Amino acid sequence: EQLAEEVLPRGEEPLVRLMLKYLLYRRNVICDPLFAEY
């Protein structure tokens, strides 16, 4: 969430921000073996 906020603050380009958060979530959470199974 903080990474997204730093490059695109809340309120700006909201749909881009939504897709950005999903992309960052995939890269930093889903694809990390620590969290994938959980």
PDB file of all heavy atoms in Angstrom:
ATOM      1  N   GLU A   1       0.838  -1.201   0.000  1.00  0.00           N
ATOM      2  CA  GLU A   1       0.000   0.000   0.000  1.00  0.00           C
ATOM      3  C   GLU A   1       0.874   1.252   0.000  1.00  0.00           C
ATOM      4  O   GLU A   1       0.592   2.230  -0.702  1.00  0.00           O
ATOM      5  CB  GLU A   1      -0.910   0.006   1.224  1.00  0.00           C
ATOM      6  CG  GLU A   1      -2.054  -0.980   1.162  1.00  0.00           C
ATOM      7  CD  GLU A   1      -3.111  -0.568   0.160  1.00  0.00           C
ATOM      8  OE1 GLU A   1      -3.582   0.581   0.215  1.00  0.00           O
ATOM      9  OE2 GLU A   1      -3.463  -1.399  -0.694  1.00  0.00           O
ATOM     10  N   GLN A   2       1.946   1.229   0.783  1.00  0.00           N
ATOM     11  CA  GLN A   2       2.846   2.381   0.873  1.00  0.00           C
ATOM     12  C   GLN A   2       3.580   2.606  -0.439  1.00  0.00           C
ATOM     13  O   GLN A   2       3.755   3.746  -0.881  1.00  0.00           O
ATOM     14  CB  GLN A   2       3.850   2.168   2.008  1.00  0.00           C
ATOM     15  CG  GLN A   2       4.805   3.337   2.230  1.00  0.00           C
ATOM     16  CD  GLN A   2       4.085   4.625   2.597  1.00  0.00           C
ATOM     17  OE1 GLN A   2       3.089   4.593   3.313  1.00  0.00           O
ATOM     18  NE2 GLN A   2       4.568   5.749   2.105  1.00  0.00           N
ATOM     19  N   LEU A   3       4.004   1.523  -1.092  1.00  0.00           N
ATOM     20  CA  LEU A   3       4.663   1.647  -2.389  1.00  0.00           C
ATOM     21  C   LEU A   3       3.742   2.317  -3.401  1.00  0.00           C
ATOM     22  O   LEU A   3       4.163   3.195  -4.162  1.00  0.00           O
ATOM     23  CB  LEU A   3       5.084   0.270  -2.907  1.00  0.00           C
ATOM     24  CG  LEU A   3       6.259  -0.411  -2.217  1.00  0.00           C
ATOM     25  CD1 LEU A   3       6.436  -1.823  -2.757  1.00  0.00           C
ATOM     26  CD2 LEU A   3       7.538   0.391  -2.398  1.00  0.00           C
ATOM     27  N   ALA A   4       2.481   1.893  -3.421  1.00  0.00           N
ATOM     28  CA  ALA A   4       1.508   2.491  -4.337  1.00  0.00           C
ATOM     29  C   ALA A   4       1.303   3.967  -4.019  1.00  0.00           C
ATOM     30  O   ALA A   4       1.237   4.804  -4.920  1.00  0.00           O
ATOM     31  CB  ALA A   4       0.182   1.743  -4.262  1.00  0.00           C
ATOM     32  N   GLU A   5       1.219   4.274  -2.734  1.00  0.00           N
ATOM     33  CA  GLU A   5       0.995   5.660  -2.299  1.00  0.00           C
ATOM     34  C   GLU A   5       2.140   6.573  -2.719  1.00  0.00           C
ATOM     35  O   GLU A   5       1.933   7.732  -3.077  1.00  0.00           O
ATOM     36  CB  GLU A   5       0.831   5.688  -0.778  1.00  0.00           C
ATOM     37  CG  GLU A   5       0.519   7.054  -0.194  1.00  0.00           C
ATOM     38  CD  GLU A   5      -0.878   7.543  -0.523  1.00  0.00           C
ATOM     39  OE1 GLU A   5      -1.754   6.714  -0.821  1.00  0.00           O
ATOM     40  OE2 GLU A   5      -1.080   8.787  -0.492  1.00  0.00           O
ATOM     41  N   GLU A   6       3.363   6.047  -2.684  1.00  0.00           N
ATOM     42  CA  GLU A   6       4.530   6.863  -3.007  1.00  0.00           C
ATOM     43  C   GLU A   6       4.581   7.255  -4.478  1.00  0.00           C
ATOM     44  O   GLU A   6       5.045   8.345  -4.816  1.00  0.00           O
ATOM     45  CB  GLU A   6       5.808   6.106  -2.629  1.00  0.00           C
ATOM     46  CG  GLU A   6       6.022   6.019  -1.122  1.00  0.00           C
ATOM     47  CD  GLU A   6       7.189   5.120  -0.750  1.00  0.00           C
ATOM     48  OE1 GLU A   6       7.839   4.570  -1.681  1.00  0.00           O
ATOM     49  OE2 GLU A   6       7.457   4.954   0.460  1.00  0.00           O
ATOM     50  N   VAL A   7       4.129   6.376  -5.357  1.00  0.00           N
ATOM     51  CA  VAL A   7       4.201   6.696  -6.790  1.00  0.00           C
ATOM     52  C   VAL A   7       2.886   7.226  -7.351  1.00  0.00           C
ATOM     53  O   VAL A   7       2.879   7.851  -8.415  1.00  0.00           O
ATOM     54  CB  VAL A   7       4.655   5.465  -7.616  1.00  0.00           C
ATOM     55  CG1 VAL A   7       6.075   5.084  -7.244  1.00  0.00           C
ATOM     56  CG2 VAL A   7       3.715   4.287  -7.446  1.00  0.00           C
ATOM     57  N   LEU A   8       1.784   6.962  -6.632  1.00  0.00           N
ATOM     58  CA  LEU A   8       0.477   7.467  -7.086  1.00  0.00           C
ATOM     59  C   LEU A   8      -0.420   7.664  -5.870  1.00  0.00           C
ATOM     60  O   LEU A   8      -1.106   6.731  -5.437  1.00  0.00           O
ATOM     61  CB  LEU A   8      -0.166   6.490  -8.069  1.00  0.00           C
ATOM     62  CG  LEU A   8      -1.438   6.987  -8.777  1.00  0.00           C
ATOM     63  CD1 LEU A   8      -1.134   8.209  -9.627  1.00  0.00           C
ATOM     64  CD2 LEU A   8      -2.022   5.878  -9.640  1.00  0.00           C
ATOM     65  N   PRO A   9      -0.440   8.873  -5.307  1.00  0.00           N
ATOM     66  CA  PRO A   9      -1.221   9.126  -4.090  1.00  0.00           C
ATOM     67  C   PRO A   9      -2.704   8.854  -4.280  1.00  0.00           C
ATOM     68  O   PRO A   9      -3.239   8.951  -5.389  1.00  0.00           O
ATOM     69  CB  PRO A   9      -0.975  10.629  -3.834  1.00  0.00           C
ATOM     70  CG  PRO A   9       0.322  10.918  -4.517  1.00  0.00           C
ATOM     71  CD  PRO A   9       0.329  10.043  -5.736  1.00  0.00           C
ATOM     72  N   ARG A  10      -3.350   8.502  -3.197  1.00  0.00           N
ATOM     73  CA  ARG A  10      -4.776   8.213  -3.228  1.00  0.00           C
ATOM     74  C   ARG A  10      -5.548   9.419  -3.753  1.00  0.00           C
ATOM     75  O   ARG A  10      -5.268  10.558  -3.392  1.00  0.00           O
ATOM     76  CB  ARG A  10      -5.273   7.855  -1.826  1.00  0.00           C
ATOM     77  CG  ARG A  10      -6.699   7.373  -1.803  1.00  0.00           C
ATOM     78  CD  ARG A  10      -7.085   6.804  -0.464  1.00  0.00           C
ATOM     79  NE  ARG A  10      -8.453   6.282  -0.507  1.00  0.00           N
ATOM     80  CZ  ARG A  10      -9.054   5.688   0.513  1.00  0.00           C
ATOM     81  NH1 ARG A  10      -8.419   5.535   1.658  1.00  0.00           N
ATOM     82  NH2 ARG A  10     -10.290   5.246   0.391  1.00  0.00           N
ATOM     83  N   GLY A  11      -6.504   9.160  -4.630  1.00  0.00           N
ATOM     84  CA  GLY A  11      -7.300  10.229  -5.227  1.00  0.00           C
ATOM     85  C   GLY A  11      -6.885  10.531  -6.650  1.00  0.00           C
ATOM     86  O   GLY A  11      -7.637  11.149  -7.411  1.00  0.00           O
ATOM     87  N   GLU A  12      -5.683  10.096  -7.047  1.00  0.00           N
ATOM     88  CA  GLU A  12      -5.195  10.329  -8.404  1.00  0.00           C
ATOM     89  C   GLU A  12      -5.335   9.048  -9.232  1.00  0.00           C
ATOM     90  O   GLU A  12      -4.945   7.974  -8.781  1.00  0.00           O
ATOM     91  CB  GLU A  12      -3.724  10.766  -8.377  1.00  0.00           C
ATOM     92  CG  GLU A  12      -3.485  12.081  -7.648  1.00  0.00           C
ATOM     93  CD  GLU A  12      -2.025  12.508  -7.699  1.00  0.00           C
ATOM     94  OE1 GLU A  12      -1.276  11.958  -8.532  1.00  0.00           O
ATOM     95  OE2 GLU A  12      -1.641  13.385  -6.904  1.00  0.00           O
ATOM     96  N   GLU A  13      -5.897   9.158 -10.420  1.00  0.00           N
ATOM     97  CA  GLU A  13      -6.032   8.030 -11.342  1.00  0.00           C
ATOM     98  C   GLU A  13      -6.481   6.759 -10.599  1.00  0.00           C
ATOM     99  O   GLU A  13      -5.753   5.764 -10.540  1.00  0.00           O
ATOM    100  CB  GLU A  13      -4.711   7.764 -12.047  1.00  0.00           C
ATOM    101  CG  GLU A  13      -4.166   8.943 -12.840  1.00  0.00           C
ATOM    102  CD  GLU A  13      -2.823   8.634 -13.466  1.00  0.00           C
ATOM    103  OE1 GLU A  13      -2.820   7.923 -14.500  1.00  0.00           O
ATOM    104  OE2 GLU A  13      -1.792   9.070 -12.935  1.00  0.00           O
ATOM    105  N   PRO A  14      -7.661   6.772 -10.021  1.00  0.00           N
ATOM    106  CA  PRO A  14      -8.064   5.679  -9.129  1.00  0.00           C
ATOM    107  C   PRO A  14      -8.067   4.283  -9.739  1.00  0.00           C
ATOM    108  O   PRO A  14      -7.754   3.306  -9.051  1.00  0.00           O
ATOM    109  CB  PRO A  14      -9.472   6.085  -8.684  1.00  0.00           C
ATOM    110  CG  PRO A  14      -9.934   7.083  -9.678  1.00  0.00           C
ATOM    111  CD  PRO A  14      -8.712   7.801 -10.125  1.00  0.00           C
ATOM    112  N   LEU A  15      -8.401   4.159 -11.005  1.00  0.00           N
ATOM    113  CA  LEU A  15      -8.415   2.823 -11.600  1.00  0.00           C
ATOM    114  C   LEU A  15      -6.993   2.337 -11.898  1.00  0.00           C
ATOM    115  O   LEU A  15      -6.692   1.150 -11.752  1.00  0.00           O
ATOM    116  CB  LEU A  15      -9.266   2.805 -12.876  1.00  0.00           C
ATOM    117  CG  LEU A  15      -9.862   1.446 -13.265  1.00  0.00           C
ATOM    118  CD1 LEU A  15     -10.510   0.747 -12.068  1.00  0.00           C
ATOM    119  CD2 LEU A  15     -10.874   1.628 -14.376  1.00  0.00           C
ATOM    120  N   VAL A  16      -6.135   3.261 -12.283  1.00  0.00           N
ATOM    121  CA  VAL A  16      -4.718   2.922 -12.437  1.00  0.00           C
ATOM    122  C   VAL A  16      -4.163   2.490 -11.087  1.00  0.00           C
ATOM    123  O   VAL A  16      -3.426   1.507 -10.977  1.00  0.00           O
ATOM    124  CB  VAL A  16      -3.905   4.122 -12.975  1.00  0.00           C
ATOM    125  CG1 VAL A  16      -2.404   3.827 -12.912  1.00  0.00           C
ATOM    126  CG2 VAL A  16      -4.318   4.461 -14.392  1.00  0.00           C
ATOM    127  N   ARG A  17      -4.555   3.204 -10.052  1.00  0.00           N
ATOM    128  CA  ARG A  17      -4.072   2.880  -8.705  1.00  0.00           C
ATOM    129  C   ARG A  17      -4.553   1.503  -8.264  1.00  0.00           C
ATOM    130  O   ARG A  17      -3.813   0.748  -7.631  1.00  0.00           O
ATOM    131  CB  ARG A  17      -4.541   3.959  -7.715  1.00  0.00           C
ATOM    132  CG  ARG A  17      -3.836   3.927  -6.372  1.00  0.00           C
ATOM    133  CD  ARG A  17      -4.156   5.192  -5.581  1.00  0.00           C
ATOM    134  NE  ARG A  17      -3.340   5.267  -4.401  1.00  0.00           N
ATOM    135  CZ  ARG A  17      -3.635   4.691  -3.228  1.00  0.00           C
ATOM    136  NH1 ARG A  17      -4.753   4.005  -3.119  1.00  0.00           N
ATOM    137  NH2 ARG A  17      -2.830   4.808  -2.194  1.00  0.00           N
ATOM    138  N   LEU A  18      -5.781   1.171  -8.608  1.00  0.00           N
ATOM    139  CA  LEU A  18      -6.305  -0.153  -8.269  1.00  0.00           C
ATOM    140  C   LEU A  18      -5.492  -1.245  -8.965  1.00  0.00           C
ATOM    141  O   LEU A  18      -5.086  -2.234  -8.334  1.00  0.00           O
ATOM    142  CB  LEU A  18      -7.778  -0.251  -8.679  1.00  0.00           C
ATOM    143  CG  LEU A  18      -8.454  -1.611  -8.485  1.00  0.00           C
ATOM    144  CD1 LEU A  18      -8.450  -2.009  -7.006  1.00  0.00           C
ATOM    145  CD2 LEU A  18      -9.886  -1.564  -9.011  1.00  0.00           C
ATOM    146  N   MET A  19      -5.243  -1.081 -10.253  1.00  0.00           N
ATOM    147  CA  MET A  19      -4.456  -2.070 -10.982  1.00  0.00           C
ATOM    148  C   MET A  19      -3.012  -2.107 -10.482  1.00  0.00           C
ATOM    149  O   MET A  19      -2.402  -3.178 -10.399  1.00  0.00           O
ATOM    150  CB  MET A  19      -4.489  -1.755 -12.481  1.00  0.00           C
ATOM    151  CG  MET A  19      -5.841  -1.977 -13.136  1.00  0.00           C
ATOM    152  SD  MET A  19      -6.324  -3.731 -13.157  1.00  0.00           S
ATOM    153  CE  MET A  19      -5.169  -4.377 -14.371  1.00  0.00           C
ATOM    154  N   LEU A  20      -2.474  -0.959 -10.146  1.00  0.00           N
ATOM    155  CA  LEU A  20      -1.114  -0.893  -9.602  1.00  0.00           C
ATOM    156  C   LEU A  20      -1.022  -1.675  -8.302  1.00  0.00           C
ATOM    157  O   LEU A  20      -0.071  -2.440  -8.084  1.00  0.00           O
ATOM    158  CB  LEU A  20      -0.720   0.562  -9.369  1.00  0.00           C
ATOM    159  CG  LEU A  20       0.595   0.796  -8.605  1.00  0.00           C
ATOM    160  CD1 LEU A  20       1.778   0.254  -9.399  1.00  0.00           C
ATOM    161  CD2 LEU A  20       0.773   2.285  -8.310  1.00  0.00           C
ATOM    162  N   LYS A  21      -1.999  -1.516  -7.432  1.00  0.00           N
ATOM    163  CA  LYS A  21      -1.978  -2.230  -6.152  1.00  0.00           C
ATOM    164  C   LYS A  21      -2.070  -3.734  -6.360  1.00  0.00           C
ATOM    165  O   LYS A  21      -1.391  -4.503  -5.675  1.00  0.00           O
ATOM    166  CB  LYS A  21      -3.096  -1.723  -5.235  1.00  0.00           C
ATOM    167  CG  LYS A  21      -2.850  -0.316  -4.710  1.00  0.00           C
ATOM    168  CD  LYS A  21      -3.725   0.023  -3.521  1.00  0.00           C
ATOM    169  CE  LYS A  21      -5.175   0.123  -3.883  1.00  0.00           C
ATOM    170  NZ  LYS A  21      -5.995   0.543  -2.704  1.00  0.00           N
ATOM    171  N   TYR A  22      -2.886  -4.167  -7.325  1.00  0.00           N
ATOM    172  CA  TYR A  22      -2.969  -5.596  -7.620  1.00  0.00           C
ATOM    173  C   TYR A  22      -1.639  -6.118  -8.157  1.00  0.00           C
ATOM    174  O   TYR A  22      -1.203  -7.226  -7.821  1.00  0.00           O
ATOM    175  CB  TYR A  22      -4.092  -5.879  -8.622  1.00  0.00           C
ATOM    176  CG  TYR A  22      -5.388  -6.288  -7.967  1.00  0.00           C
ATOM    177  CD1 TYR A  22      -6.477  -5.433  -7.920  1.00  0.00           C
ATOM    178  CD2 TYR A  22      -5.526  -7.556  -7.392  1.00  0.00           C
ATOM    179  CE1 TYR A  22      -7.666  -5.825  -7.309  1.00  0.00           C
ATOM    180  CE2 TYR A  22      -6.710  -7.948  -6.784  1.00  0.00           C
ATOM    181  CZ  TYR A  22      -7.772  -7.077  -6.746  1.00  0.00           C
ATOM    182  OH  TYR A  22      -8.937  -7.466  -6.137  1.00  0.00           O
ATOM    183  N   LEU A  23      -0.989  -5.326  -9.000  1.00  0.00           N
ATOM    184  CA  LEU A  23       0.301  -5.742  -9.559  1.00  0.00           C
ATOM    185  C   LEU A  23       1.365  -5.822  -8.469  1.00  0.00           C
ATOM    186  O   LEU A  23       2.131  -6.805  -8.398  1.00  0.00           O
ATOM    187  CB  LEU A  23       0.731  -4.763 -10.658  1.00  0.00           C
ATOM    188  CG  LEU A  23       2.096  -5.010 -11.311  1.00  0.00           C
ATOM    189  CD1 LEU A  23       2.177  -6.427 -11.884  1.00  0.00           C
ATOM    190  CD2 LEU A  23       2.350  -3.968 -12.402  1.00  0.00           C
ATOM    191  N   LEU A  24       1.435  -4.818  -7.611  1.00  0.00           N
ATOM    192  CA  LEU A  24       2.395  -4.829  -6.509  1.00  0.00           C
ATOM    193  C   LEU A  24       2.098  -5.953  -5.527  1.00  0.00           C
ATOM    194  O   LEU A  24       3.010  -6.581  -4.984  1.00  0.00           O
ATOM    195  CB  LEU A  24       2.381  -3.474  -5.787  1.00  0.00           C
ATOM    196  CG  LEU A  24       2.892  -2.280  -6.587  1.00  0.00           C
ATOM    197  CD1 LEU A  24       2.690  -0.990  -5.791  1.00  0.00           C
ATOM    198  CD2 LEU A  24       4.367  -2.454  -6.950  1.00  0.00           C
ATOM    199  N   TYR A  25       0.815  -6.214  -5.305  1.00  0.00           N
ATOM    200  CA  TYR A  25       0.412  -7.299  -4.410  1.00  0.00           C
ATOM    201  C   TYR A  25       0.871  -8.640  -4.988  1.00  0.00           C
ATOM    202  O   TYR A  25       1.374  -9.504  -4.261  1.00  0.00           O
ATOM    203  CB  TYR A  25      -1.107  -7.276  -4.248  1.00  0.00           C
ATOM    204  CG  TYR A  25      -1.656  -8.295  -3.283  1.00  0.00           C
ATOM    205  CD1 TYR A  25      -1.566  -8.107  -1.909  1.00  0.00           C
ATOM    206  CD2 TYR A  25      -2.289  -9.447  -3.752  1.00  0.00           C
ATOM    207  CE1 TYR A  25      -2.092  -9.041  -1.019  1.00  0.00           C
ATOM    208  CE2 TYR A  25      -2.810 -10.384  -2.874  1.00  0.00           C
ATOM    209  CZ  TYR A  25      -2.705 -10.180  -1.514  1.00  0.00           C
ATOM    210  OH  TYR A  25      -3.213 -11.109  -0.645  1.00  0.00           O
ATOM    211  N   ARG A  26       0.696  -8.817  -6.269  1.00  0.00           N
ATOM    212  CA  ARG A  26       1.153 -10.068  -6.908  1.00  0.00           C
ATOM    213  C   ARG A  26       2.655 -10.226  -6.732  1.00  0.00           C
ATOM    214  O   ARG A  26       3.134 -11.294  -6.328  1.00  0.00           O
ATOM    215  CB  ARG A  26       0.789 -10.081  -8.390  1.00  0.00           C
ATOM    216  CG  ARG A  26       1.455 -11.213  -9.175  1.00  0.00           C
ATOM    217  CD  ARG A  26       0.971 -11.249 -10.609  1.00  0.00           C
ATOM    218  NE  ARG A  26       1.848 -12.060 -11.457  1.00  0.00           N
ATOM    219  CZ  ARG A  26       1.825 -13.394 -11.527  1.00  0.00           C
ATOM    220  NH1 ARG A  26       0.981 -14.074 -10.781  1.00  0.00           N
ATOM    221  NH2 ARG A  26       2.646 -14.048 -12.325  1.00  0.00           N
ATOM    222  N   ARG A  27       3.407  -9.180  -7.031  1.00  0.00           N
ATOM    223  CA  ARG A  27       4.865  -9.280  -7.006  1.00  0.00           C
ATOM    224  C   ARG A  27       5.437  -9.411  -5.591  1.00  0.00           C
ATOM    225  O   ARG A  27       6.397 -10.159  -5.376  1.00  0.00           O
ATOM    226  CB  ARG A  27       5.473  -8.051  -7.690  1.00  0.00           C
ATOM    227  CG  ARG A  27       5.262  -8.033  -9.190  1.00  0.00           C
ATOM    228  CD  ARG A  27       5.846  -6.791  -9.820  1.00  0.00           C
ATOM    229  NE  ARG A  27       5.811  -6.867 -11.272  1.00  0.00           N
ATOM    230  CZ  ARG A  27       6.214  -5.885 -12.085  1.00  0.00           C
ATOM    231  NH1 ARG A  27       6.675  -4.749 -11.569  1.00  0.00           N
ATOM    232  NH2 ARG A  27       6.155  -6.038 -13.392  1.00  0.00           N
ATOM    233  N   ASN A  28       4.852  -8.700  -4.647  1.00  0.00           N
ATOM    234  CA  ASN A  28       5.443  -8.635  -3.309  1.00  0.00           C
ATOM    235  C   ASN A  28       4.820  -9.569  -2.283  1.00  0.00           C
ATOM    236  O   ASN A  28       5.395  -9.795  -1.225  1.00  0.00           O
ATOM    237  CB  ASN A  28       5.370  -7.194  -2.788  1.00  0.00           C
ATOM    238  CG  ASN A  28       6.219  -6.247  -3.596  1.00  0.00           C
ATOM    239  OD1 ASN A  28       7.427  -6.384  -3.670  1.00  0.00           O
ATOM    240  ND2 ASN A  28       5.582  -5.280  -4.239  1.00  0.00           N
ATOM    241  N   VAL A  29       3.636 -10.083  -2.594  1.00  0.00           N
ATOM    242  CA  VAL A  29       2.956 -10.955  -1.632  1.00  0.00           C
ATOM    243  C   VAL A  29       2.669 -12.327  -2.247  1.00  0.00           C
ATOM    244  O   VAL A  29       3.176 -13.348  -1.777  1.00  0.00           O
ATOM    245  CB  VAL A  29       1.646 -10.312  -1.123  1.00  0.00           C
ATOM    246  CG1 VAL A  29       1.016 -11.188  -0.042  1.00  0.00           C
ATOM    247  CG2 VAL A  29       1.903  -8.914  -0.568  1.00  0.00           C
ATOM    248  N   ILE A  30       1.865 -12.366  -3.292  1.00  0.00           N
ATOM    249  CA  ILE A  30       1.445 -13.638  -3.871  1.00  0.00           C
ATOM    250  C   ILE A  30       2.635 -14.492  -4.309  1.00  0.00           C
ATOM    251  O   ILE A  30       2.650 -15.707  -4.096  1.00  0.00           O
ATOM    252  CB  ILE A  30       0.508 -13.398  -5.074  1.00  0.00           C
ATOM    253  CG1 ILE A  30      -0.803 -12.749  -4.621  1.00  0.00           C
ATOM    254  CG2 ILE A  30       0.211 -14.706  -5.800  1.00  0.00           C
ATOM    255  CD1 ILE A  30      -1.687 -12.299  -5.769  1.00  0.00           C
ATOM    256  N   CYS A  31       3.630 -13.869  -4.929  1.00  0.00           N
ATOM    257  CA  CYS A  31       4.765 -14.621  -5.473  1.00  0.00           C
ATOM    258  C   CYS A  31       5.863 -14.877  -4.450  1.00  0.00           C
ATOM    259  O   CYS A  31       6.886 -15.486  -4.786  1.00  0.00           O
ATOM    260  CB  CYS A  31       5.330 -13.900  -6.696  1.00  0.00           C
ATOM    261  SG  CYS A  31       4.204 -13.912  -8.117  1.00  0.00           S
ATOM    262  N   ASP A  32       5.682 -14.428  -3.225  1.00  0.00           N
ATOM    263  CA  ASP A  32       6.646 -14.713  -2.162  1.00  0.00           C
ATOM    264  C   ASP A  32       6.265 -16.043  -1.517  1.00  0.00           C
ATOM    265  O   ASP A  32       5.148 -16.191  -1.014  1.00  0.00           O
ATOM    266  CB  ASP A  32       6.619 -13.595  -1.116  1.00  0.00           C
ATOM    267  CG  ASP A  32       7.709 -13.751  -0.067  1.00  0.00           C
ATOM    268  OD1 ASP A  32       8.136 -14.890   0.207  1.00  0.00           O
ATOM    269  OD2 ASP A  32       8.127 -12.731   0.509  1.00  0.00           O
ATOM    270  N   PRO A  33       7.170 -17.026  -1.494  1.00  0.00           N
ATOM    271  CA  PRO A  33       6.860 -18.335  -0.890  1.00  0.00           C
ATOM    272  C   PRO A  33       6.370 -18.250   0.554  1.00  0.00           C
ATOM    273  O   PRO A  33       5.661 -19.143   1.020  1.00  0.00           O
ATOM    274  CB  PRO A  33       8.191 -19.087  -0.979  1.00  0.00           C
ATOM    275  CG  PRO A  33       8.897 -18.459  -2.139  1.00  0.00           C
ATOM    276  CD  PRO A  33       8.517 -17.005  -2.083  1.00  0.00           C
ATOM    277  N   LEU A  34       6.737 -17.179   1.260  1.00  0.00           N
ATOM    278  CA  LEU A  34       6.277 -17.015   2.639  1.00  0.00           C
ATOM    279  C   LEU A  34       4.761 -16.906   2.712  1.00  0.00           C
ATOM    280  O   LEU A  34       4.134 -17.368   3.670  1.00  0.00           O
ATOM    281  CB  LEU A  34       6.921 -15.772   3.263  1.00  0.00           C
ATOM    282  CG  LEU A  34       6.455 -15.385   4.676  1.00  0.00           C
ATOM    283  CD1 LEU A  34       6.727 -16.509   5.677  1.00  0.00           C
ATOM    284  CD2 LEU A  34       7.127 -14.096   5.124  1.00  0.00           C
ATOM    285  N   PHE A  35       4.149 -16.308   1.688  1.00  0.00           N
ATOM    286  CA  PHE A  35       2.712 -16.023   1.738  1.00  0.00           C
ATOM    287  C   PHE A  35       1.858 -16.845   0.781  1.00  0.00           C
ATOM    288  O   PHE A  35       0.641 -16.894   0.940  1.00  0.00           O
ATOM    289  CB  PHE A  35       2.473 -14.541   1.456  1.00  0.00           C
ATOM    290  CG  PHE A  35       3.151 -13.623   2.418  1.00  0.00           C
ATOM    291  CD1 PHE A  35       4.289 -12.919   2.050  1.00  0.00           C
ATOM    292  CD2 PHE A  35       2.667 -13.472   3.709  1.00  0.00           C
ATOM    293  CE1 PHE A  35       4.923 -12.073   2.951  1.00  0.00           C
ATOM    294  CE2 PHE A  35       3.294 -12.633   4.620  1.00  0.00           C
ATOM    295  CZ  PHE A  35       4.433 -11.933   4.237  1.00  0.00           C
ATOM    296  N   ALA A  36       2.469 -17.453  -0.229  1.00  0.00           N
ATOM    297  CA  ALA A  36       1.701 -18.091  -1.296  1.00  0.00           C
ATOM    298  C   ALA A  36       0.690 -19.109  -0.773  1.00  0.00           C
ATOM    299  O   ALA A  36      -0.497 -19.065  -1.121  1.00  0.00           O
ATOM    300  CB  ALA A  36       2.652 -18.754  -2.289  1.00  0.00           C
ATOM    301  N   GLU A  37       1.137 -20.030   0.071  1.00  0.00           N
ATOM    302  CA  GLU A  37       0.235 -21.063   0.580  1.00  0.00           C
ATOM    303  C   GLU A  37      -0.815 -20.476   1.515  1.00  0.00           C
ATOM    304  O   GLU A  37      -1.994 -20.861   1.467  1.00  0.00           O
ATOM    305  CB  GLU A  37       1.038 -22.134   1.320  1.00  0.00           C
ATOM    306  CG  GLU A  37       0.199 -23.303   1.805  1.00  0.00           C
ATOM    307  CD  GLU A  37       1.020 -24.351   2.536  1.00  0.00           C
ATOM    308  OE1 GLU A  37       2.221 -24.117   2.766  1.00  0.00           O
ATOM    309  OE2 GLU A  37       0.443 -25.393   2.883  1.00  0.00           O
ATOM    310  N   TYR A  38      -0.412 -19.536   2.331  1.00  0.00           N
ATOM    311  CA  TYR A  38      -1.329 -18.895   3.273  1.00  0.00           C
ATOM    312  C   TYR A  38      -2.463 -18.207   2.524  1.00  0.00           C
ATOM    313  O   TYR A  38      -3.638 -18.361   2.878  1.00  0.00           O
ATOM    314  CB  TYR A  38      -0.569 -17.890   4.124  1.00  0.00           C
ATOM    315  CG  TYR A  38      -1.432 -17.034   5.023  1.00  0.00           C
ATOM    316  CD1 TYR A  38      -2.098 -17.585   6.108  1.00  0.00           C
ATOM    317  CD2 TYR A  38      -1.569 -15.673   4.780  1.00  0.00           C
ATOM    318  CE1 TYR A  38      -2.888 -16.803   6.938  1.00  0.00           C
ATOM    319  CE2 TYR A  38      -2.353 -14.877   5.608  1.00  0.00           C
ATOM    320  CZ  TYR A  38      -3.005 -15.446   6.684  1.00  0.00           C
ATOM    321  OH  TYR A  38      -3.796 -14.668   7.491  1.00  0.00           O
TER     322      TYR A  38
END
